[in-house]
Amino acid sequence: MTHQLVDGRGKALAIEPVTKTGFKDWLKGRRAGERAWIEDHGYVAKPGRFLALPSARGGIGSVVLGVADGPDIWSWGDLSTKLPVGRYRIDGHQTPLQASAAALGWALGSYRFTRYLKPGRKLAELVWPAGADRTRVKRLVDSTFLVRDLINTPAEDMGPSHLADAARAVAKQYGAKFRVTVGDELLKKGYRTIHAVGRASTRPPRLIELSWGTRGPKIALIGKGVCFDSGGYDLKQASGMLQMKKDMGGAAHALALGRLIMDAKLPVRLRVLLPAVENLVAGNAFKPLDIIRTFKGLTVEIGNTDAEGRLILCDALAEADNDEPDLMIDFATLTGAARVALGTDLPALFANDDDIAERILAAGRLVDDELWRLPLYQPYAKGLESKLADLNNVSSSGQGGAISAALFLEAFVSKRTKWVHIDLMASNGLHRPGRPAGGEAMGLRACFAMIEDWIGTRAKDAAPVKASPAKSKRRGKRR
């Protein structure tokens, strides 16, 4: 795929990026007729706003585009679809960061999910800007499109087996080891909560695993893969199911972040775990007040079958934690409470390590992919107490739902492990430049940028790591 980015052969119309502060000086340098045209159209250099300027022959001579100061992704996000079909180039000096940002925004805005549609009209193309990091831009775009495609695919064509196929394809592309545990095999290996949540579907639940790399710090990525969520016996209303094909968005993010790491050949030992299920209703479905013994050995009373994501994650987290990773990140479309607190565009970040949390937040600001930290407020853990089991999967208080869900997950992570939990929407409700409605990668670029930086810092500060990966240590007796 070209993502509407092409090499600089042939004629191309110029796009002139102009900031709000530089607009007056830029305007002074235009011909009288162009100034009149601009003034007649009431144009100002607001980021993302563009205007086609006429040529002497009456066609388009060039395009002026308002941009923000510094690297700006989103001002370029609508141009491939809104400009007339043709080839364009950027005029004027740009730093490598600005050039890469422009290319990234243009490409992200060219995304179309056409699996079930005939191809639409052709899109405008941008000549690769001078100085742009082509490899990095392509890497980010391909991984973002992977997230979008997986989330946008309806549940009929994106069940647990399809998600496993997508992960297998990524593993094959990068030479990663691939393993999947399916159906009753989950019980034999102790993944009882994954099995319980997914057993009512005719498409068996599974735990998908990729492993890659033989040196460097261990990084574990876990993603919630609920391919469709009816709510189980605590059944959702029909309106509540309309977006539930996206409930595997966490798995899509974990897989895409793993892809970024492998594509960049980062010196890490990577493990990706994707518990994949459908939470449906049938005679063998798990029920409210059931008690399930988890992989870690903790028992969980089911206060609500619609709080299923944390149940499949808890087994995957405990499995990953047994391998003693240096960093563990999970992604999940986990709670509506996080959306109430932060809205749909801003993922909630929880972490048990302040340094890692601040690194992700700083990286998000740097690459325009922000998250917001919420606390692991320990007094709220009391609401997860059960009289009959070690934990309840929902809080008795009914308040602070995103925090309670994060605290539930924290119970399956050892204190030695640097752990990050990201509760995200994984979908755009409305179109924004470069971010069309539908499945969306959120926090993906931020986490990748943080990992790159963290590895660089760690390489300077830490002792060498042995080359051979450690085997998983299953501590504790399974009961």
Protein backbone atom coordinates (compact mmCIF):
# COMPACT_ATOMS: atom_id res chain seq x y z
CA MET A 1 0.00 0.00 0.00
CA THR A 2 1.21 3.50 -0.82
CA HIS A 3 -1.11 5.31 1.63
CA GLN A 4 -1.28 8.06 -1.05
CA LEU A 5 2.41 8.86 -0.55
CA VAL A 6 4.45 8.67 -3.73
CA ASP A 7 7.94 9.32 -5.05
CA GLY A 8 8.55 12.72 -6.63
CA ARG A 9 8.20 11.88 -10.30
CA GLY A 10 6.02 13.98 -12.61
CA LYS A 11 4.26 17.27 -12.05
CA ALA A 12 2.78 18.13 -8.67
CA LEU A 13 0.84 21.11 -7.37
CA ALA A 14 2.41 23.01 -4.50
CA ILE A 15 0.94 23.10 -1.00
CA GLU A 16 2.28 26.00 1.05
CA PRO A 17 1.95 25.46 4.81
CA VAL A 18 1.50 28.71 6.72
CA THR A 19 1.18 29.29 10.46
CA LYS A 20 -1.21 31.80 11.94
CA THR A 21 1.65 34.02 13.10
CA GLY A 22 3.36 33.91 9.72
CA PHE A 23 0.25 34.45 7.64
CA LYS A 24 0.50 38.26 7.33
CA ASP A 25 4.08 38.16 6.08
CA TRP A 26 3.21 35.33 3.71
CA LEU A 27 0.26 37.29 2.36
CA LYS A 28 2.42 40.32 1.61
CA GLY A 29 4.49 38.23 -0.76
CA ARG A 30 1.54 37.19 -2.93
CA ARG A 31 0.44 38.85 -6.14
CA ALA A 32 -2.36 41.42 -5.91
CA GLY A 33 -4.82 39.08 -7.62
CA GLU A 34 -4.04 36.26 -5.18
CA ARG A 35 -4.41 38.57 -2.20
CA ALA A 36 -7.80 39.64 -3.47
CA TRP A 37 -8.83 36.01 -3.98
CA ILE A 38 -7.75 35.10 -0.46
CA GLU A 39 -9.53 38.08 1.07
CA ASP A 40 -12.70 37.45 -0.95
CA HIS A 41 -12.82 33.91 0.44
CA GLY A 42 -12.29 35.17 3.99
CA TYR A 43 -9.35 32.82 4.37
CA VAL A 44 -7.23 32.81 7.52
CA ALA A 45 -4.44 30.36 8.29
CA LYS A 46 -6.32 28.34 10.88
CA PRO A 47 -4.72 24.87 11.33
CA GLY A 48 -6.30 22.44 8.91
CA ARG A 49 -8.02 25.08 6.80
CA PHE A 50 -6.92 25.22 3.18
CA LEU A 51 -7.68 27.23 0.06
CA ALA A 52 -6.91 26.47 -3.58
CA LEU A 53 -5.35 29.45 -5.35
CA PRO A 54 -6.11 29.92 -9.06
CA SER A 55 -3.53 29.66 -11.78
CA ALA A 56 -3.28 32.12 -14.67
CA ARG A 57 -5.22 29.63 -16.79
CA GLY A 58 -8.08 29.35 -14.32
CA GLY A 59 -7.17 26.00 -12.79
CA ILE A 60 -5.55 25.31 -9.41
CA GLY A 61 -2.17 26.95 -9.21
CA SER A 62 -1.30 26.03 -5.63
CA VAL A 63 -2.86 25.40 -2.24
CA VAL A 64 -2.34 27.29 1.00
CA LEU A 65 -2.77 25.30 4.20
CA GLY A 66 -2.95 26.57 7.75
CA VAL A 67 -0.74 24.58 10.11
CA ALA A 68 0.22 24.70 13.77
CA ASP A 69 3.69 25.65 14.91
CA GLY A 70 6.07 22.69 15.08
CA PRO A 71 5.30 19.15 13.88
CA ASP A 72 1.61 19.03 12.93
CA ILE A 73 -0.12 15.78 11.99
CA TRP A 74 -3.78 16.61 11.86
CA SER A 75 -3.81 19.74 9.68
CA TRP A 76 -2.87 17.41 6.82
CA GLY A 77 -5.42 14.75 7.73
CA ASP A 78 -8.26 15.68 5.35
CA LEU A 79 -6.31 16.74 2.28
CA SER A 80 -6.14 13.37 0.52
CA THR A 81 -9.95 13.22 0.47
CA LYS A 82 -10.89 16.91 0.08
CA LEU A 83 -8.40 18.11 -2.51
CA PRO A 84 -9.11 17.36 -6.18
CA VAL A 85 -7.57 14.11 -7.33
CA GLY A 86 -3.99 14.69 -8.41
CA ARG A 87 -0.44 14.88 -7.12
CA TYR A 88 0.74 17.47 -4.60
CA ARG A 89 4.04 18.47 -3.03
CA ILE A 90 4.98 20.61 -0.04
CA ASP A 91 6.68 23.93 -0.74
CA GLY A 92 8.92 25.69 1.74
CA HIS A 93 11.38 24.53 4.36
CA GLN A 94 10.29 21.85 6.82
CA THR A 95 12.26 20.16 9.55
CA PRO A 96 12.45 16.35 9.37
CA LEU A 97 9.92 16.13 12.19
CA GLN A 98 7.51 18.44 10.38
CA ALA A 99 7.95 16.53 7.14
CA SER A 100 7.29 13.19 8.84
CA ALA A 101 4.25 14.59 10.65
CA ALA A 102 2.79 15.91 7.39
CA ALA A 103 3.30 12.56 5.65
CA LEU A 104 1.80 10.69 8.61
CA GLY A 105 -1.27 12.92 8.73
CA TRP A 106 -1.84 12.66 4.99
CA ALA A 107 -1.57 8.87 5.07
CA LEU A 108 -3.77 8.40 8.14
CA GLY A 109 -6.45 10.50 6.49
CA SER A 110 -6.40 8.26 3.42
CA TYR A 111 -7.71 5.26 5.36
CA ARG A 112 -10.82 3.58 3.98
CA PHE A 113 -12.41 0.36 5.20
CA THR A 114 -13.54 -1.14 1.90
CA ARG A 115 -13.81 -4.85 2.66
CA TYR A 116 -17.56 -4.79 1.97
CA LEU A 117 -17.70 -1.86 -0.48
CA LYS A 118 -16.72 -1.17 -4.04
CA PRO A 119 -13.73 1.17 -4.22
CA GLY A 120 -14.73 4.83 -4.05
CA ARG A 121 -13.19 7.75 -5.88
CA LYS A 122 -9.45 8.02 -6.10
CA LEU A 123 -7.66 10.11 -3.51
CA ALA A 124 -5.11 12.88 -3.86
CA GLU A 125 -1.45 11.89 -3.57
CA LEU A 126 1.38 13.60 -1.74
CA VAL A 127 4.96 13.45 -2.92
CA TRP A 128 7.08 12.27 -0.01
CA PRO A 129 8.26 15.44 1.77
CA ALA A 130 12.01 15.96 1.80
CA GLY A 131 13.51 14.82 5.09
CA ALA A 132 10.56 12.63 6.11
CA ASP A 133 11.44 9.36 7.83
CA ARG A 134 9.73 7.10 5.33
CA THR A 135 10.38 3.87 7.20
CA ARG A 136 8.94 5.19 10.44
CA VAL A 137 5.91 6.76 8.81
CA LYS A 138 5.07 3.54 6.94
CA ARG A 139 5.57 1.54 10.13
CA LEU A 140 3.16 3.72 12.10
CA VAL A 141 0.59 3.88 9.32
CA ASP A 142 0.58 0.13 8.68
CA SER A 143 0.16 -0.65 12.37
CA THR A 144 -2.59 1.95 12.78
CA PHE A 145 -4.42 0.53 9.77
CA LEU A 146 -4.11 -2.94 11.29
CA VAL A 147 -5.91 -1.70 14.42
CA ARG A 148 -8.60 0.03 12.39
CA ASP A 149 -9.21 -2.93 10.09
CA LEU A 150 -9.49 -5.43 12.95
CA ILE A 151 -11.92 -3.26 14.90
CA ASN A 152 -14.04 -2.29 11.91
CA THR A 153 -14.57 -5.91 10.81
CA PRO A 154 -17.96 -7.24 11.99
CA ALA A 155 -18.00 -9.99 14.58
CA GLU A 156 -19.15 -12.58 12.03
CA ASP A 157 -15.79 -12.19 10.29
CA MET A 158 -13.75 -11.30 13.39
CA GLY A 159 -14.40 -14.04 15.90
CA PRO A 160 -11.75 -15.61 18.15
CA SER A 161 -10.39 -17.78 15.32
CA HIS A 162 -10.15 -14.81 12.95
CA LEU A 163 -8.29 -12.79 15.57
CA ALA A 164 -5.92 -15.73 15.95
CA ASP A 165 -5.43 -15.79 12.17
CA ALA A 166 -4.54 -12.08 12.19
CA ALA A 167 -2.01 -12.65 14.97
CA ARG A 168 -0.60 -15.67 13.16
CA ALA A 169 -0.07 -13.56 10.04
CA VAL A 170 1.85 -10.94 12.03
CA ALA A 171 3.93 -13.64 13.70
CA LYS A 172 4.77 -15.18 10.33
CA GLN A 173 5.73 -11.79 8.88
CA TYR A 174 8.32 -11.20 11.61
CA GLY A 175 9.42 -14.72 12.39
CA ALA A 176 7.79 -14.75 15.83
CA LYS A 177 6.80 -17.93 17.62
CA PHE A 178 3.04 -18.46 17.63
CA ARG A 179 0.87 -20.56 19.90
CA VAL A 180 -2.85 -20.75 20.57
CA THR A 181 -4.69 -22.62 23.32
CA VAL A 182 -8.28 -23.41 22.35
CA GLY A 183 -11.46 -24.54 24.11
CA ASP A 184 -11.15 -27.13 26.86
CA GLU A 185 -7.35 -26.99 26.59
CA LEU A 186 -7.70 -23.71 28.48
CA LEU A 187 -9.01 -25.63 31.49
CA LYS A 188 -6.10 -28.03 31.39
CA LYS A 189 -3.66 -25.14 31.55
CA GLY A 190 -5.55 -23.31 34.28
CA TYR A 191 -7.07 -20.46 32.23
CA ARG A 192 -10.49 -20.98 33.76
CA THR A 193 -11.80 -17.43 33.53
CA ILE A 194 -11.03 -17.17 29.82
CA HIS A 195 -12.86 -20.45 29.31
CA ALA A 196 -15.81 -19.46 31.50
CA VAL A 197 -16.45 -16.20 29.66
CA GLY A 198 -16.18 -17.71 26.19
CA ARG A 199 -17.65 -21.20 26.56
CA ALA A 200 -21.24 -20.23 25.60
CA SER A 201 -20.20 -19.37 22.04
CA THR A 202 -20.12 -21.96 19.28
CA ARG A 203 -16.74 -20.42 18.41
CA PRO A 204 -14.43 -21.64 21.20
CA PRO A 205 -12.46 -19.22 23.40
CA ARG A 206 -8.71 -19.18 23.10
CA LEU A 207 -5.50 -17.64 24.38
CA ILE A 208 -3.31 -16.39 21.54
CA GLU A 209 0.40 -15.92 22.12
CA LEU A 210 3.32 -14.48 20.15
CA SER A 211 6.90 -14.43 21.36
CA TRP A 212 9.84 -12.77 19.65
CA GLY A 213 13.38 -11.68 20.43
CA THR A 214 16.27 -13.21 22.36
CA ARG A 215 17.95 -10.27 24.07
CA GLY A 216 17.13 -7.17 26.02
CA PRO A 217 14.39 -6.41 28.54
CA LYS A 218 11.24 -8.47 28.63
CA ILE A 219 8.11 -6.68 27.49
CA ALA A 220 4.67 -8.28 27.82
CA LEU A 221 1.67 -6.89 25.94
CA ILE A 222 -1.84 -8.07 26.77
CA GLY A 223 -5.03 -7.11 24.97
CA LYS A 224 -8.70 -7.72 25.71
CA GLY A 225 -10.09 -9.74 22.82
CA VAL A 226 -13.85 -9.89 23.38
CA CYS A 227 -14.87 -10.29 19.76
CA PHE A 228 -18.50 -9.66 20.64
CA ASP A 229 -20.06 -8.81 23.97
CA SER A 230 -23.76 -9.41 24.53
CA GLY A 231 -23.27 -8.87 28.26
CA GLY A 232 -24.00 -12.52 29.01
CA TYR A 233 -26.87 -13.15 31.41
CA ASP A 234 -26.56 -9.53 32.51
CA LEU A 235 -27.72 -8.80 28.99
CA LYS A 236 -27.06 -5.45 27.36
CA GLN A 237 -29.86 -3.51 25.72
CA ALA A 238 -29.89 -3.65 21.92
CA SER A 239 -28.42 -0.15 21.68
CA GLY A 240 -25.58 -1.21 23.96
CA MET A 241 -24.58 -3.99 21.58
CA LEU A 242 -24.25 -1.81 18.49
CA GLN A 243 -20.58 -1.08 19.11
CA MET A 244 -19.62 -4.39 20.65
CA LYS A 245 -17.72 -5.65 17.62
CA LYS A 246 -15.06 -3.20 18.84
CA ASP A 247 -14.71 -4.92 22.22
CA MET A 248 -11.62 -6.70 20.90
CA GLY A 249 -9.96 -3.30 20.37
CA GLY A 250 -7.51 -3.92 23.20
CA ALA A 251 -6.23 -7.06 21.48
CA ALA A 252 -5.89 -5.10 18.23
CA HIS A 253 -3.75 -2.52 20.05
CA ALA A 254 -1.51 -5.08 21.75
CA LEU A 255 -0.95 -6.88 18.46
CA ALA A 256 -0.22 -3.64 16.61
CA LEU A 257 2.22 -2.45 19.29
CA GLY A 258 3.96 -5.81 19.08
CA ARG A 259 4.13 -5.35 15.32
CA LEU A 260 5.73 -1.92 15.74
CA ILE A 261 8.35 -3.34 18.10
CA MET A 262 9.18 -6.22 15.77
CA ASP A 263 9.21 -4.07 12.64
CA ALA A 264 11.64 -1.68 14.32
CA LYS A 265 13.75 -4.63 15.48
CA LEU A 266 13.94 -3.23 18.99
CA PRO A 267 16.29 -5.20 21.26
CA VAL A 268 13.65 -6.71 23.53
CA ARG A 269 12.18 -10.08 24.43
CA LEU A 270 8.57 -9.60 23.46
CA ARG A 271 5.53 -11.57 24.50
CA VAL A 272 2.01 -10.77 23.30
CA LEU A 273 -0.99 -12.44 24.96
CA LEU A 274 -4.49 -12.05 23.51
CA PRO A 275 -7.36 -13.79 25.32
CA ALA A 276 -10.09 -14.05 22.65
CA VAL A 277 -13.73 -14.88 23.41
CA GLU A 278 -17.34 -14.08 22.63
CA ASN A 279 -19.47 -13.30 25.69
CA LEU A 280 -22.82 -14.80 24.74
CA VAL A 281 -25.90 -16.37 26.33
CA ALA A 282 -26.52 -20.12 26.26
CA GLY A 283 -27.32 -22.96 28.61
CA ASN A 284 -23.65 -23.35 29.52
CA ALA A 285 -22.91 -19.64 29.93
CA PHE A 286 -21.35 -18.51 33.20
CA LYS A 287 -23.86 -16.94 35.56
CA PRO A 288 -24.13 -14.18 38.16
CA LEU A 289 -22.78 -15.33 41.54
CA ASP A 290 -20.73 -18.14 40.04
CA ILE A 291 -17.28 -18.43 41.64
CA ILE A 292 -14.32 -19.11 39.36
CA ARG A 293 -10.80 -20.04 40.37
CA THR A 294 -8.39 -18.02 38.23
CA PHE A 295 -5.01 -18.95 36.78
CA LYS A 296 -3.34 -17.13 39.67
CA GLY A 297 -5.32 -19.21 42.18
CA LEU A 298 -7.50 -16.34 43.42
CA THR A 299 -11.23 -17.02 43.42
CA VAL A 300 -13.61 -14.50 41.85
CA GLU A 301 -17.33 -14.17 42.49
CA ILE A 302 -19.24 -12.99 39.44
CA GLY A 303 -21.16 -9.88 40.43
CA ASN A 304 -21.92 -9.06 36.81
CA THR A 305 -21.40 -11.13 33.66
CA ASP A 306 -21.07 -7.92 31.63
CA ALA A 307 -17.80 -7.17 33.44
CA GLU A 308 -16.17 -9.95 31.43
CA GLY A 309 -13.15 -8.14 30.05
CA ARG A 310 -11.34 -8.02 33.37
CA LEU A 311 -12.00 -11.75 33.80
CA ILE A 312 -10.23 -12.81 30.62
CA LEU A 313 -7.47 -10.29 31.25
CA CYS A 314 -6.76 -11.53 34.76
CA ASP A 315 -5.65 -14.95 33.51
CA ALA A 316 -3.49 -13.42 30.76
CA LEU A 317 -1.95 -10.91 33.17
CA ALA A 318 -1.09 -13.62 35.69
CA GLU A 319 0.45 -15.79 32.96
CA ALA A 320 2.54 -12.90 31.66
CA ASP A 321 3.53 -11.87 35.18
CA ASN A 322 4.89 -15.35 35.87
CA ASP A 323 7.55 -14.69 33.23
CA GLU A 324 8.82 -11.76 35.33
CA PRO A 325 8.66 -9.09 32.60
CA ASP A 326 10.51 -5.80 32.96
CA LEU A 327 7.45 -4.01 31.60
CA MET A 328 3.86 -5.14 31.13
CA ILE A 329 1.17 -3.14 29.29
CA ASP A 330 -2.43 -4.15 28.81
CA PHE A 331 -4.99 -2.50 26.53
CA ALA A 332 -8.73 -2.88 27.00
CA THR A 333 -12.04 -1.36 26.04
CA LEU A 334 -12.88 -1.99 29.66
CA THR A 335 -15.29 0.52 31.20
CA GLY A 336 -17.88 3.10 30.30
CA ALA A 337 -16.78 4.87 33.46
CA ALA A 338 -13.49 5.86 31.82
CA ARG A 339 -15.46 7.41 28.95
CA VAL A 340 -17.65 9.33 31.39
CA ALA A 341 -14.55 10.65 33.15
CA LEU A 342 -12.44 11.51 30.10
CA GLY A 343 -14.68 11.36 27.05
CA THR A 344 -14.21 9.10 24.07
CA ASP A 345 -10.99 10.57 22.65
CA LEU A 346 -8.74 10.36 25.70
CA PRO A 347 -7.64 6.93 27.00
CA ALA A 348 -7.30 6.44 30.74
CA LEU A 349 -3.89 5.31 31.92
CA PHE A 350 -3.26 3.48 35.19
CA ALA A 351 0.22 2.47 36.32
CA ASN A 352 1.94 1.12 39.39
CA ASP A 353 5.18 2.90 38.45
CA ASP A 354 5.34 6.70 38.34
CA ASP A 355 8.36 6.86 36.06
CA ILE A 356 6.80 4.67 33.37
CA ALA A 357 3.51 6.56 33.63
CA GLU A 358 5.21 9.92 33.18
CA ARG A 359 7.22 8.58 30.25
CA ILE A 360 4.05 7.49 28.44
CA LEU A 361 2.28 10.78 29.13
CA ALA A 362 5.30 12.78 27.93
CA ALA A 363 5.61 10.63 24.80
CA GLY A 364 1.91 11.11 24.10
CA ARG A 365 2.26 14.87 24.23
CA LEU A 366 5.31 14.70 21.97
CA VAL A 367 3.68 12.58 19.25
CA ASP A 368 0.17 14.06 19.59
CA ASP A 369 -1.35 10.86 20.99
CA GLU A 370 -2.30 11.85 24.51
CA LEU A 371 -3.54 9.83 27.46
CA TRP A 372 -4.62 10.91 30.94
CA ARG A 373 -3.57 9.22 34.15
CA LEU A 374 -6.14 8.09 36.70
CA PRO A 375 -5.15 6.82 40.16
CA LEU A 376 -4.96 3.29 41.49
CA TYR A 377 -6.72 4.57 44.59
CA GLN A 378 -6.33 1.70 47.05
CA PRO A 379 -9.26 2.50 49.40
CA TYR A 380 -11.63 1.67 46.51
CA ALA A 381 -10.34 -1.92 46.54
CA LYS A 382 -12.60 -2.56 49.53
CA GLY A 383 -15.57 -2.45 47.17
CA LEU A 384 -14.23 -5.56 45.41
CA GLU A 385 -14.42 -7.70 48.55
CA SER A 386 -16.62 -10.80 48.53
CA LYS A 387 -17.90 -12.83 51.47
CA LEU A 388 -17.57 -16.05 49.47
CA ALA A 389 -14.46 -15.53 47.34
CA ASP A 390 -11.19 -13.63 47.25
CA LEU A 391 -12.67 -10.96 44.97
CA ASN A 392 -15.84 -9.84 43.26
CA ASN A 393 -15.46 -8.81 39.64
CA VAL A 394 -17.44 -5.59 40.22
CA SER A 395 -17.43 -3.05 43.02
CA SER A 396 -20.28 -2.86 45.48
CA SER A 397 -20.12 0.95 45.48
CA GLY A 398 -21.11 1.49 41.86
CA GLN A 399 -18.78 4.52 41.73
CA GLY A 400 -15.30 4.99 40.30
CA GLY A 401 -15.83 2.10 37.90
CA ALA A 402 -12.66 2.59 35.86
CA ILE A 403 -10.55 2.69 39.02
CA SER A 404 -12.25 -0.37 40.49
CA ALA A 405 -11.65 -2.32 37.28
CA ALA A 406 -7.98 -1.34 37.31
CA LEU A 407 -7.67 -2.35 40.96
CA PHE A 408 -9.19 -5.73 40.13
CA LEU A 409 -6.54 -6.26 37.45
CA GLU A 410 -3.79 -5.09 39.79
CA ALA A 411 -4.58 -8.02 42.08
CA PHE A 412 -3.14 -10.29 39.38
CA VAL A 413 0.13 -8.38 38.96
CA SER A 414 3.05 -8.79 41.35
CA LYS A 415 4.51 -5.69 42.97
CA ARG A 416 7.87 -6.27 41.28
CA THR A 417 6.38 -5.81 37.78
CA LYS A 418 6.16 -2.40 36.15
CA TRP A 419 2.58 -2.51 34.90
CA VAL A 420 0.45 -0.18 32.79
CA HIS A 421 -3.26 -0.55 32.14
CA ILE A 422 -4.88 1.50 29.35
CA ASP A 423 -8.68 1.75 29.28
CA LEU A 424 -9.62 3.11 25.86
CA MET A 425 -12.53 3.64 23.48
CA ALA A 426 -10.75 2.24 20.39
CA SER A 427 -13.21 4.01 18.11
CA ASN A 428 -14.02 7.45 16.74
CA GLY A 429 -17.69 8.32 17.01
CA LEU A 430 -17.31 11.29 14.67
CA HIS A 431 -14.90 12.08 11.87
CA ARG A 432 -11.90 14.26 12.63
CA PRO A 433 -9.07 15.09 10.22
CA GLY A 434 -6.90 11.99 9.87
CA ARG A 435 -9.19 10.07 12.20
CA PRO A 436 -12.27 8.80 10.34
CA ALA A 437 -15.28 7.45 12.22
CA GLY A 438 -14.86 3.83 13.25
CA GLY A 439 -12.03 1.80 14.72
CA GLU A 440 -9.06 3.82 15.95
CA ALA A 441 -5.63 3.35 17.46
CA MET A 442 -5.37 5.31 20.71
CA GLY A 443 -2.19 5.54 22.75
CA LEU A 444 -0.43 3.28 20.25
CA ARG A 445 2.12 5.81 19.01
CA ALA A 446 2.63 7.10 22.55
CA CYS A 447 3.45 3.65 23.93
CA PHE A 448 5.77 2.84 21.04
CA ALA A 449 7.65 6.13 21.42
CA MET A 450 7.94 5.53 25.17
CA ILE A 451 9.29 2.00 24.69
CA GLU A 452 11.88 3.23 22.19
CA ASP A 453 13.04 5.89 24.64
CA TRP A 454 12.88 3.57 27.67
CA ILE A 455 14.99 0.95 25.96
CA GLY A 456 17.58 3.56 25.01
CA THR A 457 17.78 4.85 28.56
CA ARG A 458 17.76 1.38 30.04
CA ALA A 459 20.59 0.27 27.76
CA LYS A 460 22.77 3.02 29.24
CA ASP A 461 21.79 2.51 32.86
CA ALA A 462 21.25 -1.23 33.25
CA ALA A 463 23.55 -4.21 33.35
CA PRO A 464 23.63 -6.46 30.25
CA VAL A 465 20.77 -8.93 29.92
CA LYS A 466 21.43 -12.56 29.16
CA ALA A 467 20.64 -13.49 25.58
CA SER A 468 18.45 -16.52 26.18
CA PRO A 469 14.82 -15.90 27.19
CA ALA A 470 13.79 -17.22 30.59
CA LYS A 471 11.17 -19.91 30.73
CA SER A 472 7.80 -19.13 32.25
CA LYS A 473 7.72 -19.81 35.97
CA ARG A 474 4.30 -20.88 37.16
CA ARG A 475 4.51 -19.95 40.81
CA GLY A 476 1.95 -21.10 43.26
CA LYS A 477 -0.12 -24.22 43.39
CA ARG A 478 -3.06 -24.49 41.02
CA ARG A 479 -6.11 -25.63 42.86
